[in-house]
Amino acid sequence: MKVLWVSRHYPLPAQIRELQRIYGADVEIVQMQGIIPNAETIVQKAKEVGAEVIVPVLPLSMIARLAEMQKKEGFTLLFAKMNAIASVKSLEVARKIAMEAPERRTITTYSDGIVRVFEFERFERIVEVKLVTEAL
């Protein structure tokens, strides 16, 4: 089973183990990173490498387009549910928190100087993406 992992970061060990639990020990991760112009490019890459599962870490608009395409194109779309467990201003502090559970945790830095620590919880299948708004 091939999984197309669309992210600038390689999956965490806990994420790989969970994919193996779901799909079997023969899971192969193919990473796609860099500039990705549209969802169609991702689907094309999935076809090229023979991936049946796509895990996108992308803007919501691209994930929504992939969700629309998945039935017709025959792939499964997964969401890596990550919980924010800390928001700090120090990269050193964030690294210490992440190192408490390095198999499950990662850090992300933001332009405002905030560093967040995220912990992997589980994968969820993306069925649809919809935006619900309300007038002000």
Protein backbone atom coordinates (compact mmCIF):
# COMPACT_ATOMS: atom_id res chain seq x y z
CA MET A 1 0.00 0.00 0.00
CA LYS A 2 1.47 3.34 -1.06
CA VAL A 3 0.60 6.55 0.75
CA LEU A 4 1.29 9.93 -0.84
CA TRP A 5 2.33 12.23 1.99
CA VAL A 6 1.91 15.84 0.80
CA SER A 7 3.81 17.98 3.28
CA ARG A 8 7.13 19.69 3.77
CA HIS A 9 7.63 17.44 6.83
CA TYR A 10 8.11 13.68 6.74
CA PRO A 11 5.56 11.79 8.89
CA LEU A 12 6.27 11.23 12.57
CA PRO A 13 7.10 7.67 13.68
CA ALA A 14 3.71 7.45 15.43
CA GLN A 15 1.98 8.42 12.18
CA ILE A 16 3.83 5.74 10.25
CA ARG A 17 2.94 3.13 12.87
CA GLU A 18 -0.73 4.16 12.71
CA LEU A 19 -0.76 3.87 8.92
CA GLN A 20 0.78 0.41 9.29
CA ARG A 21 -1.90 -0.53 11.81
CA ILE A 22 -4.64 0.62 9.44
CA TYR A 23 -3.23 -0.66 6.13
CA GLY A 24 -0.70 -3.33 7.09
CA ALA A 25 3.03 -3.49 7.62
CA ASP A 26 3.84 -3.06 3.93
CA VAL A 27 2.89 0.66 3.87
CA GLU A 28 5.25 2.70 1.71
CA ILE A 29 5.37 6.48 2.19
CA VAL A 30 6.04 8.63 -0.87
CA GLN A 31 6.59 12.26 0.08
CA MET A 32 5.56 15.12 -2.18
CA GLN A 33 6.84 18.56 -1.24
CA GLY A 34 7.71 21.85 -2.82
CA ILE A 35 5.47 24.15 -4.82
CA ILE A 36 2.17 22.44 -5.58
CA PRO A 37 0.03 24.52 -7.93
CA ASN A 38 -3.26 22.63 -7.58
CA ALA A 39 -5.04 19.48 -6.43
CA GLU A 40 -4.87 17.96 -9.90
CA THR A 41 -1.06 17.89 -9.65
CA ILE A 42 -1.37 15.86 -6.44
CA VAL A 43 -3.79 13.39 -8.01
CA GLN A 44 -1.47 12.99 -11.01
CA LYS A 45 1.48 12.27 -8.69
CA ALA A 46 -0.63 9.72 -6.76
CA LYS A 47 -1.41 7.94 -10.03
CA GLU A 48 2.27 8.02 -11.10
CA VAL A 49 3.48 6.38 -7.89
CA GLY A 50 0.45 4.10 -7.45
CA ALA A 51 -0.72 5.67 -4.19
CA GLU A 52 -4.20 4.71 -3.00
CA VAL A 53 -4.11 7.04 0.01
CA ILE A 54 -3.27 10.75 0.15
CA VAL A 55 -2.44 12.61 3.36
CA PRO A 56 -2.38 16.35 2.56
CA VAL A 57 -0.98 19.04 4.83
CA LEU A 58 -2.17 21.88 2.64
CA PRO A 59 -4.43 24.94 2.52
CA LEU A 60 -8.09 24.11 3.10
CA SER A 61 -9.07 25.08 -0.46
CA MET A 62 -6.78 22.38 -1.90
CA ILE A 63 -7.99 19.79 0.59
CA ALA A 64 -11.59 20.64 -0.38
CA ARG A 65 -10.77 20.09 -4.05
CA LEU A 66 -9.10 16.75 -3.27
CA ALA A 67 -12.19 15.75 -1.27
CA GLU A 68 -14.36 16.48 -4.33
CA MET A 69 -12.06 14.38 -6.56
CA GLN A 70 -11.47 11.32 -4.37
CA LYS A 71 -14.46 9.16 -5.37
CA LYS A 72 -14.03 9.76 -9.09
CA GLU A 73 -10.26 9.27 -8.96
CA GLY A 74 -10.37 6.29 -6.58
CA PHE A 75 -8.18 7.35 -3.67
CA THR A 76 -8.74 7.77 0.07
CA LEU A 77 -8.02 11.12 1.67
CA LEU A 78 -6.79 11.17 5.28
CA PHE A 79 -6.43 13.98 7.81
CA ALA A 80 -3.71 13.73 10.44
CA LYS A 81 -5.43 15.02 13.56
CA MET A 82 -2.86 16.99 15.53
CA ASN A 83 -3.59 18.64 18.88
CA ALA A 84 -1.86 21.89 19.83
CA ILE A 85 -0.46 21.17 23.29
CA ALA A 86 1.68 24.28 23.83
CA SER A 87 2.16 27.80 22.47
CA VAL A 88 5.38 29.46 23.56
CA LYS A 89 7.72 32.23 22.45
CA SER A 90 10.91 30.22 22.87
CA LEU A 91 12.01 27.67 20.29
CA GLU A 92 14.19 26.06 22.97
CA VAL A 93 11.20 25.58 25.30
CA ALA A 94 9.12 24.18 22.42
CA ARG A 95 11.88 21.72 21.54
CA LYS A 96 12.03 20.50 25.16
CA ILE A 97 8.27 19.90 25.17
CA ALA A 98 8.43 18.10 21.82
CA MET A 99 11.30 15.91 23.03
CA GLU A 100 9.12 14.59 25.87
CA ALA A 101 7.35 12.50 23.18
CA PRO A 102 9.40 12.80 19.96
CA GLU A 103 7.56 9.92 18.27
CA ARG A 104 4.28 11.88 18.41
CA ARG A 105 5.20 15.58 18.63
CA THR A 106 6.41 18.25 16.27
CA ILE A 107 6.85 22.02 16.38
CA THR A 108 5.76 24.79 14.05
CA THR A 109 7.06 28.35 14.13
CA TYR A 110 4.90 31.29 13.10
CA SER A 111 5.81 34.72 11.75
CA ASP A 112 4.63 36.43 14.94
CA GLY A 113 7.30 34.60 16.95
CA ILE A 114 4.96 32.02 18.48
CA VAL A 115 6.11 28.40 18.44
CA ARG A 116 3.45 25.71 18.79
CA VAL A 117 3.94 22.11 19.78
CA PHE A 118 1.55 19.66 18.15
CA GLU A 119 0.91 16.05 19.11
CA PHE A 120 -0.44 13.43 16.72
CA GLU A 121 -3.71 11.87 17.88
CA ARG A 122 -5.08 9.82 14.97
CA PHE A 123 -5.98 9.74 11.30
CA GLU A 124 -9.47 10.57 10.12
CA ARG A 125 -10.92 9.98 6.66
CA ILE A 126 -11.92 13.22 4.94
CA VAL A 127 -15.38 12.78 3.49
CA GLU A 128 -16.15 16.35 2.51
CA VAL A 129 -15.08 19.90 3.23
CA LYS A 130 -17.70 22.60 3.48
CA LEU A 131 -17.69 26.19 4.61
CA VAL A 132 -20.67 27.44 6.58
CA THR A 133 -20.93 31.19 7.02
CA GLU A 134 -23.28 33.64 8.67
CA ALA A 135 -23.96 37.27 7.80
CA LEU A 136 -22.71 39.88 10.26
